[in-house]
Amino acid sequence: MDSNNVVIKYLGTLGYNPSTSYYGYIELWKEWYENYVPKFHEYHDQNGDKRELYKLGMAKRLCEDWSSILYTERDSIVCKNKQNQVFIDKWLSKLEFNDKIPDNIETAFWSGTCGTIIRIKNAKIVNKKIVADENTTLNLVSVNASQIIPLKIIDGVITDVAFVSKSVINGKNAFYIEIHELKKDGYHIQNKYIDEQGNEIENAGVIKEYETGSAVPLFNLLMPRVVNNIKENNGLGISVYANAIDQLQGVDIVYNNFMKDFYLGGKKVFYNKKLTKYYTQTYTDEETGEVVVQEVPIYPDDITKQQFQIVGDDVDVNAETLVHEYNPDLRETENENGLNLALNILAFKSGLGKAYYKFEQGGVVTATQAILDNKDLVGNAKKHRSALNKYTIGIVRSILMIGRLFFNENVDENDTINLVDKDGFLNSEEDQKEEYRNEMSMGLRSKVGYLMKFYGMSEEEAKKELALINEEDSLSSLDLTNEDEGN
């Protein structure tokens, strides 16, 4: 965001010195995500008129598809402790967790990092400690990488961070900076506002500083599980298509050619210059800065401009050279083949494997059989899913910590927590069950764990179910014994 230079300069006065260069990359990824990169998609025709390439919008489609692959509403959070489960179910529903996670994945995959901050609303501060009451509530706020400025990294983990957003104070533009710092007694959170010149300003309605008393952060970061090969990245992640910009360009170039063939594919009428009226146009060449003066033909409309082409000059004219008609063939098959090749390379470079996409009937579709046979996709998806598990479980631990410390609930953030994949894309549920049963037969898995994983039970519920099963087995065995004795 444009504010980063101002904010980073301000953070320098607090003793921090993050790099500014990385945010230029994020801005480029954002342009591709929004499907408009001025330096690439704009060009000028021979008359100096601004034109735009036809665009397929594949950067956003990549992020959408990764989001669909990695998370569905059928996935669920399972806590080992039943009280934790009840507390978490209530808050995840209030916070619309299932609706926000897919958006978070999409944000992480285009910008390289998505940050989710849990903010405590309507609470009192006593001696820098939060005191909650019946009016206190929580809010999940998500930000993209351009709004995240890491301040301290320990063993590859961002421990201290500033989150930046635009605000308006007393009718004037301002920047809101939320600083999370891990100290010996837990996290300290500061809320600061600065104007566009970097000077601090007051906002009486916001708590300036408070302490959580816990090392569990109130923020969690999601990054694609891809090694960041850009220097001075501040510890942030990298866009899933950061190393596929050339391929995004290739797709749009081929698609533009495909569309142009249809747009320009009607008949061509070549006619002599003598039949055309002209006006004089003056413009400045953007690359050279030179002033260009040229005669421009006057066409009835833009379509006519594409259809009618000037040839010859205005002398030695006869009936045969005045007008000549040409009807070209469309190159539909060649263009479609070229576009599918470009899509295959893009999908491969973005981790989806070859042949994930197919262009047919004028649009991009997912090649279902290619997904089923796609080992590259499954391998990469498992890595990304591992990062998503850590991220979502981190959010749950933060909420449990708030419940214990501020709401005085009998919950524990150190509980065993799992993000259960019920969609079965990466590995079908039946395959998982079979694998789990085999491991149980070898004594490597517990029946309690089986019921928790595949049926969403808490540990207590699973144990009760097994007790009932064992009781029924005992009764069945007793009945059979009695029948044998009767014979």
Protein backbone atom coordinates (compact mmCIF):
# COMPACT_ATOMS: atom_id res chain seq x y z
CA MET A 1 0.00 0.00 0.00
CA ASP A 2 1.14 3.62 -0.56
CA SER A 3 1.31 4.19 3.17
CA ASN A 4 4.13 1.73 3.73
CA ASN A 5 6.97 4.21 3.22
CA VAL A 6 5.39 6.63 5.72
CA VAL A 7 4.63 3.88 8.23
CA ILE A 8 8.03 2.21 7.92
CA LYS A 9 9.74 5.57 8.42
CA TYR A 10 7.63 6.05 11.56
CA LEU A 11 8.49 2.55 12.80
CA GLY A 12 12.14 3.52 12.40
CA THR A 13 11.65 6.10 15.15
CA LEU A 14 10.57 3.20 17.39
CA GLY A 15 13.78 1.29 16.70
CA TYR A 16 12.60 -0.95 13.85
CA ASN A 17 14.11 -1.06 10.38
CA PRO A 18 12.03 -3.23 8.00
CA SER A 19 12.69 -3.24 4.25
CA THR A 20 10.36 -1.35 1.89
CA SER A 21 11.37 -3.02 -1.40
CA TYR A 22 9.25 -6.16 -1.00
CA TYR A 23 5.97 -4.28 -1.12
CA GLY A 24 6.56 -3.44 -4.80
CA TYR A 25 6.30 -7.14 -5.61
CA ILE A 26 3.05 -7.38 -3.65
CA GLU A 27 1.63 -4.47 -5.65
CA LEU A 28 2.44 -6.29 -8.91
CA TRP A 29 0.73 -9.47 -7.67
CA LYS A 30 -2.28 -7.36 -6.70
CA GLU A 31 -2.54 -5.92 -10.22
CA TRP A 32 -2.57 -9.41 -11.69
CA TYR A 33 -5.16 -10.53 -9.12
CA GLU A 34 -7.35 -7.56 -10.07
CA ASN A 35 -6.84 -8.51 -13.74
CA TYR A 36 -5.36 -5.22 -14.87
CA VAL A 37 -1.62 -4.57 -15.18
CA PRO A 38 -1.28 -1.19 -16.94
CA LYS A 39 2.32 -1.71 -18.07
CA PHE A 40 1.36 -4.96 -19.77
CA HIS A 41 -2.31 -4.80 -20.73
CA GLU A 42 -2.24 -1.29 -22.25
CA TYR A 43 -0.80 -0.49 -25.67
CA HIS A 44 -1.25 2.08 -28.45
CA ASP A 45 -2.23 1.30 -32.01
CA GLN A 46 -0.65 2.80 -35.13
CA ASN A 47 -2.76 5.93 -34.69
CA GLY A 48 -1.73 6.49 -31.08
CA ASP A 49 -5.09 5.41 -29.67
CA LYS A 50 -4.94 3.52 -26.35
CA ARG A 51 -5.95 -0.12 -26.57
CA GLU A 52 -6.18 -2.99 -24.06
CA LEU A 53 -5.40 -6.66 -24.41
CA TYR A 54 -8.21 -9.11 -23.87
CA LYS A 55 -7.63 -10.71 -20.47
CA LEU A 56 -8.52 -14.15 -19.12
CA GLY A 57 -8.09 -13.30 -15.42
CA MET A 58 -6.20 -16.45 -14.52
CA ALA A 59 -4.34 -15.03 -11.48
CA LYS A 60 -7.56 -14.78 -9.48
CA ARG A 61 -8.80 -18.10 -10.86
CA LEU A 62 -5.62 -19.77 -9.55
CA CYS A 63 -6.26 -18.42 -6.04
CA GLU A 64 -9.96 -19.35 -6.15
CA ASP A 65 -9.14 -22.91 -7.15
CA TRP A 66 -6.48 -23.33 -4.47
CA SER A 67 -8.98 -22.09 -1.90
CA SER A 68 -11.58 -24.62 -3.07
CA ILE A 69 -9.02 -27.42 -2.99
CA LEU A 70 -7.73 -26.69 0.51
CA TYR A 71 -10.91 -25.99 2.48
CA THR A 72 -14.63 -26.66 2.36
CA GLU A 73 -17.48 -26.02 4.78
CA ARG A 74 -17.50 -29.73 5.56
CA ASP A 75 -14.13 -29.41 7.28
CA SER A 76 -14.36 -29.00 11.03
CA ILE A 77 -12.36 -28.11 14.12
CA VAL A 78 -12.28 -30.88 16.73
CA CYS A 79 -11.00 -30.29 20.27
CA LYS A 80 -10.09 -33.18 22.58
CA ASN A 81 -11.75 -31.47 25.56
CA LYS A 82 -15.56 -31.22 25.37
CA GLN A 83 -15.76 -27.82 27.15
CA ASN A 84 -13.26 -26.41 24.71
CA GLN A 85 -15.36 -27.78 21.85
CA VAL A 86 -18.56 -26.12 23.08
CA PHE A 87 -16.79 -22.77 23.61
CA ILE A 88 -15.08 -22.89 20.21
CA ASP A 89 -18.20 -23.95 18.31
CA LYS A 90 -20.05 -20.96 19.73
CA TRP A 91 -17.38 -18.43 18.80
CA LEU A 92 -16.52 -19.87 15.39
CA SER A 93 -20.19 -19.57 14.49
CA LYS A 94 -20.38 -15.97 15.78
CA LEU A 95 -17.22 -15.02 13.90
CA GLU A 96 -18.44 -16.66 10.65
CA PHE A 97 -15.25 -18.70 10.58
CA ASN A 98 -16.31 -21.00 7.71
CA ASP A 99 -17.07 -18.02 5.47
CA LYS A 100 -13.81 -16.21 6.20
CA ILE A 101 -11.29 -19.04 5.85
CA PRO A 102 -11.76 -19.52 2.06
CA ASP A 103 -11.31 -15.76 1.58
CA ASN A 104 -8.18 -15.89 3.77
CA ILE A 105 -6.70 -18.63 1.60
CA GLU A 106 -7.36 -16.61 -1.55
CA THR A 107 -5.73 -13.54 0.03
CA ALA A 108 -2.67 -15.53 1.10
CA PHE A 109 -2.24 -17.06 -2.32
CA TRP A 110 -2.32 -13.77 -4.26
CA SER A 111 -0.42 -11.57 -1.79
CA GLY A 112 1.85 -14.21 -0.23
CA THR A 113 0.51 -13.75 3.32
CA CYS A 114 -2.87 -13.35 4.99
CA GLY A 115 -2.96 -12.13 8.57
CA THR A 116 -5.93 -12.65 10.87
CA ILE A 117 -6.12 -10.55 14.04
CA ILE A 118 -8.50 -11.26 16.89
CA ARG A 119 -9.64 -7.95 18.34
CA ILE A 120 -11.40 -7.67 21.69
CA LYS A 121 -14.28 -5.20 21.62
CA ASN A 122 -16.07 -3.38 24.46
CA ALA A 123 -13.63 -4.38 27.20
CA LYS A 124 -12.14 -2.33 30.03
CA ILE A 125 -8.45 -1.89 30.73
CA VAL A 126 -7.26 -2.04 34.36
CA ASN A 127 -3.49 -1.69 34.92
CA LYS A 128 -2.95 -2.50 31.20
CA LYS A 129 -4.91 -5.75 31.60
CA ILE A 130 -8.16 -6.56 29.81
CA VAL A 131 -11.28 -6.98 31.93
CA ALA A 132 -14.22 -8.43 30.01
CA ASP A 133 -17.91 -8.18 30.89
CA GLU A 134 -21.24 -9.17 29.34
CA ASN A 135 -20.78 -6.55 26.58
CA THR A 136 -17.34 -7.77 25.53
CA THR A 137 -17.12 -9.49 22.17
CA LEU A 138 -14.55 -10.58 19.59
CA ASN A 139 -13.91 -9.70 15.98
CA LEU A 140 -11.81 -11.43 13.30
CA VAL A 141 -10.01 -8.95 11.04
CA SER A 142 -8.10 -10.18 7.99
CA VAL A 143 -5.37 -8.26 6.15
CA ASN A 144 -3.23 -8.93 3.09
CA ALA A 145 0.57 -8.87 2.88
CA SER A 146 0.72 -5.17 1.96
CA GLN A 147 -0.73 -4.38 5.40
CA ILE A 148 1.70 -6.59 7.33
CA ILE A 149 5.10 -5.32 8.49
CA PRO A 150 7.12 -7.95 10.40
CA LEU A 151 9.22 -6.44 13.20
CA LYS A 152 11.03 -9.46 14.67
CA ILE A 153 11.69 -12.98 13.36
CA ILE A 154 12.98 -15.82 15.55
CA ASP A 155 13.92 -19.13 13.89
CA GLY A 156 11.88 -18.23 10.84
CA VAL A 157 8.78 -17.35 12.88
CA ILE A 158 7.38 -13.80 12.92
CA THR A 159 6.92 -12.99 16.61
CA ASP A 160 6.54 -9.19 16.50
CA VAL A 161 4.49 -7.48 13.80
CA ALA A 162 2.71 -4.26 12.86
CA PHE A 163 -0.61 -4.31 11.01
CA VAL A 164 -1.42 -1.22 8.98
CA SER A 165 -4.72 0.11 7.65
CA LYS A 166 -6.09 3.43 6.45
CA SER A 167 -8.37 5.44 8.70
CA VAL A 168 -9.97 8.87 9.05
CA ILE A 169 -9.49 10.92 12.23
CA ASN A 170 -11.36 14.22 12.62
CA GLY A 171 -12.08 14.25 8.91
CA LYS A 172 -8.43 13.78 7.93
CA ASN A 173 -6.69 10.77 6.42
CA ALA A 174 -4.64 8.76 8.86
CA PHE A 175 -2.91 5.40 9.23
CA TYR A 176 -3.84 2.98 11.99
CA ILE A 177 -0.90 0.88 13.23
CA GLU A 178 -1.51 -2.09 15.53
CA ILE A 179 1.79 -3.32 17.02
CA HIS A 180 2.10 -6.78 18.62
CA GLU A 181 5.32 -7.33 20.61
CA LEU A 182 6.24 -10.51 22.49
CA LYS A 183 7.92 -9.77 25.82
CA LYS A 184 8.86 -11.89 28.84
CA ASP A 185 5.40 -11.57 30.39
CA GLY A 186 3.51 -12.17 27.14
CA TYR A 187 2.25 -10.02 24.29
CA HIS A 188 1.98 -6.24 24.49
CA ILE A 189 -0.36 -4.59 21.99
CA GLN A 190 -0.16 -0.90 21.04
CA ASN A 191 -2.65 1.02 18.92
CA LYS A 192 -1.20 4.08 17.22
CA TYR A 193 -2.43 6.60 14.67
CA ILE A 194 -0.26 8.77 12.46
CA ASP A 195 -1.10 11.37 9.83
CA GLU A 196 0.13 11.32 6.24
CA GLN A 197 3.33 13.07 7.31
CA GLY A 198 4.12 10.41 9.93
CA ASN A 199 3.18 12.43 13.01
CA GLU A 200 1.32 10.73 15.87
CA ILE A 201 -2.27 11.85 16.42
CA GLU A 202 -4.73 11.12 19.21
CA ASN A 203 -7.81 8.92 18.94
CA ALA A 204 -9.63 8.97 22.25
CA GLY A 205 -11.95 6.11 21.33
CA VAL A 206 -9.20 3.48 21.08
CA ILE A 207 -7.18 1.76 23.83
CA LYS A 208 -3.56 2.87 23.47
CA GLU A 209 -1.89 -0.17 25.01
CA TYR A 210 -2.68 -3.41 26.83
CA GLU A 211 -1.05 -6.71 27.81
CA THR A 212 -2.42 -10.22 27.35
CA GLY A 213 -0.22 -12.00 29.88
CA SER A 214 0.25 -14.88 27.42
CA ALA A 215 2.77 -15.87 24.75
CA VAL A 216 -0.11 -17.04 22.54
CA PRO A 217 -0.49 -14.30 19.90
CA LEU A 218 -3.74 -12.59 18.98
CA PHE A 219 -2.67 -12.82 15.32
CA ASN A 220 -2.03 -15.73 12.98
CA LEU A 221 -0.37 -15.71 9.56
CA LEU A 222 -1.13 -17.94 6.58
CA MET A 223 1.42 -18.32 3.77
CA PRO A 224 1.53 -20.70 0.80
CA ARG A 225 3.98 -23.49 1.56
CA VAL A 226 6.42 -22.29 -1.11
CA VAL A 227 9.99 -21.17 -0.41
CA ASN A 228 10.27 -17.40 -0.91
CA ASN A 229 13.10 -16.83 -3.39
CA ILE A 230 12.90 -13.02 -3.25
CA LYS A 231 15.57 -11.30 -1.18
CA GLU A 232 14.61 -8.87 1.60
CA ASN A 233 11.15 -10.40 1.90
CA ASN A 234 10.76 -9.38 5.57
CA GLY A 235 9.86 -12.97 6.43
CA LEU A 236 6.59 -12.77 4.49
CA GLY A 237 5.33 -15.44 2.10
CA ILE A 238 5.29 -15.41 -1.68
CA SER A 239 2.35 -15.36 -4.10
CA VAL A 240 1.51 -18.72 -5.62
CA TYR A 241 2.01 -17.15 -9.07
CA ALA A 242 5.02 -14.96 -8.23
CA ASN A 243 7.27 -17.16 -10.36
CA ALA A 244 4.66 -17.53 -13.11
CA ILE A 245 4.26 -13.90 -14.24
CA ASP A 246 5.65 -14.76 -17.68
CA GLN A 247 3.09 -17.54 -17.94
CA LEU A 248 0.24 -15.19 -16.95
CA GLN A 249 1.42 -12.85 -19.69
CA GLY A 250 1.59 -15.75 -22.15
CA VAL A 251 -1.99 -16.79 -21.41
CA ASP A 252 -3.29 -13.27 -21.98
CA ILE A 253 -1.25 -12.83 -25.17
CA VAL A 254 -2.64 -16.07 -26.61
CA TYR A 255 -6.16 -15.28 -25.45
CA ASN A 256 -5.91 -11.78 -26.95
CA ASN A 257 -4.89 -13.34 -30.26
CA PHE A 258 -7.80 -15.78 -30.00
CA MET A 259 -10.30 -12.96 -29.42
CA LYS A 260 -8.75 -10.71 -32.06
CA ASP A 261 -9.14 -13.41 -34.68
CA PHE A 262 -12.88 -13.38 -34.06
CA TYR A 263 -13.04 -9.63 -33.66
CA LEU A 264 -11.05 -9.05 -36.85
CA GLY A 265 -11.99 -12.28 -38.59
CA GLY A 266 -14.73 -10.91 -40.79
CA LYS A 267 -14.14 -9.84 -44.29
CA LYS A 268 -11.50 -7.26 -45.08
CA VAL A 269 -12.18 -4.55 -47.62
CA PHE A 270 -9.01 -2.95 -48.99
CA TYR A 271 -9.64 0.39 -50.63
CA ASN A 272 -7.62 3.19 -52.12
CA LYS A 273 -6.58 6.20 -50.12
CA LYS A 274 -8.46 8.44 -52.55
CA LEU A 275 -11.78 7.21 -51.09
CA THR A 276 -10.95 8.31 -47.52
CA LYS A 277 -11.30 11.57 -45.61
CA TYR A 278 -8.60 12.51 -43.10
CA TYR A 279 -7.98 14.75 -40.13
CA THR A 280 -4.66 15.78 -38.58
CA GLN A 281 -3.82 14.33 -35.12
CA THR A 282 -1.00 15.43 -32.80
CA TYR A 283 0.11 13.35 -29.80
CA THR A 284 3.19 12.78 -27.63
CA ASP A 285 4.90 9.40 -27.80
CA GLU A 286 4.99 8.07 -24.21
CA GLU A 287 8.29 6.22 -24.69
CA THR A 288 10.33 8.82 -26.61
CA GLY A 289 8.56 12.02 -25.55
CA GLU A 290 8.50 13.21 -29.17
CA VAL A 291 5.51 15.07 -30.61
CA VAL A 292 4.01 13.11 -33.52
CA VAL A 293 1.83 14.69 -36.21
CA GLN A 294 -0.04 12.34 -38.53
CA GLU A 295 -3.04 12.09 -40.83
CA VAL A 296 -5.77 9.83 -39.42
CA PRO A 297 -8.51 8.32 -41.62
CA ILE A 298 -12.12 8.97 -40.59
CA TYR A 299 -14.13 5.76 -40.17
CA PRO A 300 -17.89 5.47 -39.58
CA ASP A 301 -17.27 3.33 -36.43
CA ASP A 302 -14.64 1.19 -34.73
CA ILE A 303 -15.80 -2.06 -36.34
CA THR A 304 -15.44 -0.45 -39.74
CA LYS A 305 -11.96 0.63 -38.77
CA GLN A 306 -11.08 -3.02 -38.15
CA GLN A 307 -12.73 -4.16 -41.37
CA PHE A 308 -11.59 -1.54 -43.88
CA GLN A 309 -7.89 -1.21 -44.68
CA ILE A 310 -6.23 1.50 -46.77
CA VAL A 311 -3.88 0.50 -49.56
CA GLY A 312 -2.35 2.35 -52.48
CA ASP A 313 -2.29 6.11 -52.86
CA ASP A 314 -4.48 8.73 -54.47
CA VAL A 315 -2.95 8.65 -57.98
CA ASP A 316 -3.31 6.33 -60.95
CA VAL A 317 -6.70 5.10 -59.74
CA ASN A 318 -8.91 2.79 -61.79
CA ALA A 319 -11.97 0.70 -61.01
CA GLU A 320 -9.97 -2.45 -60.27
CA THR A 321 -7.62 -0.87 -57.71
CA LEU A 322 -10.19 1.18 -55.80
CA VAL A 323 -11.72 -1.71 -53.81
CA HIS A 324 -10.63 -5.31 -53.13
CA GLU A 325 -12.40 -7.75 -50.76
CA TYR A 326 -10.68 -10.47 -48.66
CA ASN A 327 -12.40 -13.11 -46.44
CA PRO A 328 -9.85 -14.78 -44.08
CA ASP A 329 -10.20 -18.13 -42.32
CA LEU A 330 -10.57 -18.22 -38.52
CA ARG A 331 -7.79 -20.09 -36.70
CA GLU A 332 -10.02 -21.44 -33.95
CA THR A 333 -8.28 -24.81 -33.56
CA GLU A 334 -4.76 -23.37 -33.60
CA ASN A 335 -5.68 -20.68 -31.08
CA GLU A 336 -7.43 -23.15 -28.78
CA ASN A 337 -4.45 -25.50 -28.85
CA GLY A 338 -2.09 -22.62 -28.12
CA LEU A 339 -4.25 -21.43 -25.23
CA ASN A 340 -4.43 -24.90 -23.71
CA LEU A 341 -0.64 -25.18 -23.90
CA ALA A 342 -0.27 -21.79 -22.18
CA LEU A 343 -2.76 -22.83 -19.47
CA ASN A 344 -0.90 -26.11 -18.90
CA ILE A 345 2.38 -24.30 -18.33
CA LEU A 346 0.72 -21.75 -16.02
CA ALA A 347 -0.96 -24.48 -13.94
CA PHE A 348 2.33 -26.38 -13.68
CA LYS A 349 4.26 -23.27 -12.56
CA SER A 350 1.57 -22.50 -9.96
CA GLY A 351 1.68 -25.95 -8.37
CA LEU A 352 -1.54 -27.35 -9.85
CA GLY A 353 0.25 -29.79 -12.13
CA LYS A 354 -0.13 -30.26 -15.87
CA ALA A 355 -3.50 -30.34 -17.61
CA TYR A 356 -5.41 -28.91 -14.64
CA TYR A 357 -7.20 -26.43 -16.91
CA LYS A 358 -8.79 -26.87 -20.30
CA PHE A 359 -10.13 -24.16 -22.58
CA GLU A 360 -13.29 -25.25 -24.34
CA GLN A 361 -16.56 -23.72 -25.49
CA GLY A 362 -15.20 -20.23 -24.93
CA GLY A 363 -14.20 -20.66 -21.27
CA VAL A 364 -11.75 -22.26 -18.85
CA VAL A 365 -12.91 -25.45 -17.14
CA THR A 366 -11.23 -27.81 -14.70
CA ALA A 367 -10.14 -31.11 -16.21
CA THR A 368 -11.65 -33.54 -13.69
CA GLN A 369 -9.72 -36.64 -14.74
CA ALA A 370 -6.49 -34.66 -14.68
CA ILE A 371 -7.16 -33.83 -11.02
CA LEU A 372 -7.72 -37.46 -10.10
CA ASP A 373 -4.42 -38.46 -11.73
CA ASN A 374 -2.47 -35.37 -10.66
CA LYS A 375 0.30 -36.39 -8.25
CA ASP A 376 1.92 -32.94 -8.41
CA LEU A 377 -1.32 -31.30 -7.31
CA VAL A 378 -1.91 -33.72 -4.44
CA GLY A 379 1.66 -33.35 -3.20
CA ASN A 380 1.57 -29.56 -3.28
CA ALA A 381 -1.94 -29.46 -1.80
CA LYS A 382 -0.83 -31.54 1.17
CA LYS A 383 1.96 -29.04 1.87
CA HIS A 384 -0.42 -26.08 1.63
CA ARG A 385 -2.99 -27.90 3.75
CA SER A 386 -0.36 -28.39 6.46
CA ALA A 387 0.14 -24.60 6.58
CA LEU A 388 -3.64 -24.09 6.67
CA ASN A 389 -3.99 -26.55 9.56
CA LYS A 390 -1.39 -24.66 11.59
CA TYR A 391 -3.09 -21.36 10.79
CA THR A 392 -6.64 -22.40 11.70
CA ILE A 393 -5.54 -24.25 14.84
CA GLY A 394 -3.60 -21.11 15.82
CA ILE A 395 -6.78 -19.04 15.55
CA VAL A 396 -8.60 -21.56 17.76
CA ARG A 397 -5.82 -21.47 20.38
CA SER A 398 -6.00 -17.67 20.44
CA ILE A 399 -9.76 -17.76 21.05
CA LEU A 400 -9.36 -20.36 23.82
CA MET A 401 -6.66 -18.23 25.46
CA ILE A 402 -9.00 -15.23 25.42
CA GLY A 403 -11.76 -17.37 26.90
CA ARG A 404 -9.56 -18.55 29.77
CA LEU A 405 -7.84 -15.25 30.62
CA PHE A 406 -10.49 -12.63 29.88
CA PHE A 407 -13.86 -14.41 29.99
CA ASN A 408 -12.88 -16.65 32.93
CA GLU A 409 -14.12 -19.73 31.08
CA ASN A 410 -12.91 -23.20 32.05
CA VAL A 411 -11.10 -23.76 28.75
CA ASP A 412 -7.49 -24.52 27.83
CA GLU A 413 -5.60 -23.31 24.77
CA ASN A 414 -3.09 -26.16 25.17
CA ASP A 415 -5.71 -28.76 24.25
CA THR A 416 -5.21 -31.22 21.36
CA ILE A 417 -6.89 -29.60 18.35
CA ASN A 418 -7.39 -31.02 14.86
CA LEU A 419 -8.69 -29.58 11.59
CA VAL A 420 -10.59 -32.56 10.19
CA ASP A 421 -10.65 -32.89 6.40
CA LYS A 422 -14.07 -34.35 5.59
CA ASP A 423 -14.04 -33.40 1.92
CA GLY A 424 -11.74 -36.25 0.96
CA PHE A 425 -10.08 -34.50 -2.00
CA LEU A 426 -6.47 -35.01 -0.98
CA ASN A 427 -7.17 -38.51 0.25
CA SER A 428 -10.70 -39.90 0.18
CA GLU A 429 -12.35 -40.50 3.53
CA GLU A 430 -12.77 -44.19 2.73
CA ASP A 431 -9.06 -44.45 1.94
CA GLN A 432 -8.26 -42.66 5.19
CA LYS A 433 -10.56 -44.95 7.15
CA GLU A 434 -9.01 -48.04 5.58
CA GLU A 435 -5.52 -46.79 6.35
CA TYR A 436 -6.53 -45.96 9.92
CA ARG A 437 -8.16 -49.40 10.43
CA ASN A 438 -5.04 -51.14 9.18
CA GLU A 439 -2.92 -49.19 11.62
CA MET A 440 -5.37 -50.00 14.44
CA SER A 441 -5.01 -53.71 13.68
CA MET A 442 -1.25 -53.31 14.07
CA GLY A 443 -1.69 -51.51 17.37
CA LEU A 444 -0.52 -48.17 15.97
CA ARG A 445 -3.84 -46.30 16.28
CA SER A 446 -6.54 -46.05 18.93
CA LYS A 447 -10.27 -46.64 18.46
CA VAL A 448 -10.92 -43.41 20.37
CA GLY A 449 -8.83 -41.50 17.84
CA TYR A 450 -10.71 -43.17 14.98
CA LEU A 451 -14.09 -41.97 16.27
CA MET A 452 -12.73 -38.47 16.93
CA LYS A 453 -11.21 -38.11 13.47
CA PHE A 454 -13.92 -39.56 11.27
CA TYR A 455 -17.05 -38.88 13.28
CA GLY A 456 -16.18 -35.53 14.84
CA MET A 457 -16.59 -36.82 18.41
CA SER A 458 -14.89 -35.38 21.45
CA GLU A 459 -12.68 -37.72 23.44
CA GLU A 460 -15.41 -38.14 26.07
CA GLU A 461 -18.04 -38.98 23.45
CA ALA A 462 -15.73 -41.48 21.75
CA LYS A 463 -15.00 -43.26 25.02
CA LYS A 464 -18.73 -43.53 25.83
CA GLU A 465 -19.43 -44.95 22.37
CA LEU A 466 -16.68 -47.56 22.77
CA ALA A 467 -18.02 -48.47 26.22
CA LEU A 468 -21.45 -49.11 24.68
CA ILE A 469 -19.89 -51.18 21.89
CA ASN A 470 -17.92 -53.25 24.40
CA GLU A 471 -21.04 -53.76 26.53
CA GLU A 472 -23.01 -54.94 23.52
CA ASP A 473 -20.19 -57.29 22.53
CA SER A 474 -20.16 -58.73 26.04
CA LEU A 475 -23.93 -59.29 26.00
CA SER A 476 -23.73 -60.96 22.59
CA SER A 477 -20.95 -63.23 23.81
CA LEU A 478 -22.95 -64.13 26.94
CA ASP A 479 -26.04 -64.98 24.89
CA LEU A 480 -24.04 -67.30 22.64
CA THR A 481 -22.51 -69.03 25.69
CA ASN A 482 -25.95 -69.62 27.21
CA GLU A 483 -27.22 -71.09 23.94
CA ASP A 484 -24.27 -73.48 23.83
CA GLU A 485 -24.91 -74.62 27.41
CA GLY A 486 -28.58 -75.26 26.59
CA ASN A 487 -27.62 -77.59 23.82
